[in-house]
Amino acid sequence: MPKLLAITGCMFSGKTNEFVKRVNCERARGRNVGIFKPNVDTRSSKILSRDGSSLEAEILYTNSLPHLFYEKFLPYEVIAIDEVQFFPDTFLPEAIDELIDIKDFILSGLSRDFIGRPFGAMSKVLTMADEIIQEYAICNMCKRGGATRTRRLSSDNSQILVGSNMYEANCAECYFKT
């Protein structure tokens, strides 16, 4: 396993499916895996994949200082964090940088927001990764594969709206067409 594996893609691309698969592989190898999710993901106490698979997860507060992440991560061989984009681009990457020599990481999240801008800590994580898995969705408009963008279906200006009915996956052509 790479020291830092990053799984990214737009919404509906299968990031969490791949995340769960990778975590389960590390567990099957007998490794002690700490599984975390951000406090702003309030959909469930678990990490849930659209295919129905799930993982119990410990909550990480997105505004925690690096030493608090460090304390949480210390007991584990592998640190697995879903929805990394919800963390600011400072504290979590700093904690990873401090621990990368002694821990392995599986990190999953959106690389960009609904406007196409880099999204939270994920943009920094991608530059730190030893391996990146890019997942692709089916475009909601033209039904072709290879969708990499997320369109917001609501006019709400909030950065974070939770709920799959608020977004759709688009290929670049359809995203810029409308």
Foldseek 3Di string as FASTA:
>chain_A
DFQEEEEEFAPQQCQLVVLVVVVVVCVVVVFFEAEEEEPVQPPDQWSADPVGDIDHHDYDYQPDALVVVLVSPVVGQEYEYEAQLVHAQPRVVVNCVVCSVRHGYYYYHYQAFQVRHGGGNSVVSVVVGPYYHYTWHQAPPPRHIRFGHKHAPDPDPDRDDDDPVGITTHRPVVSVVD
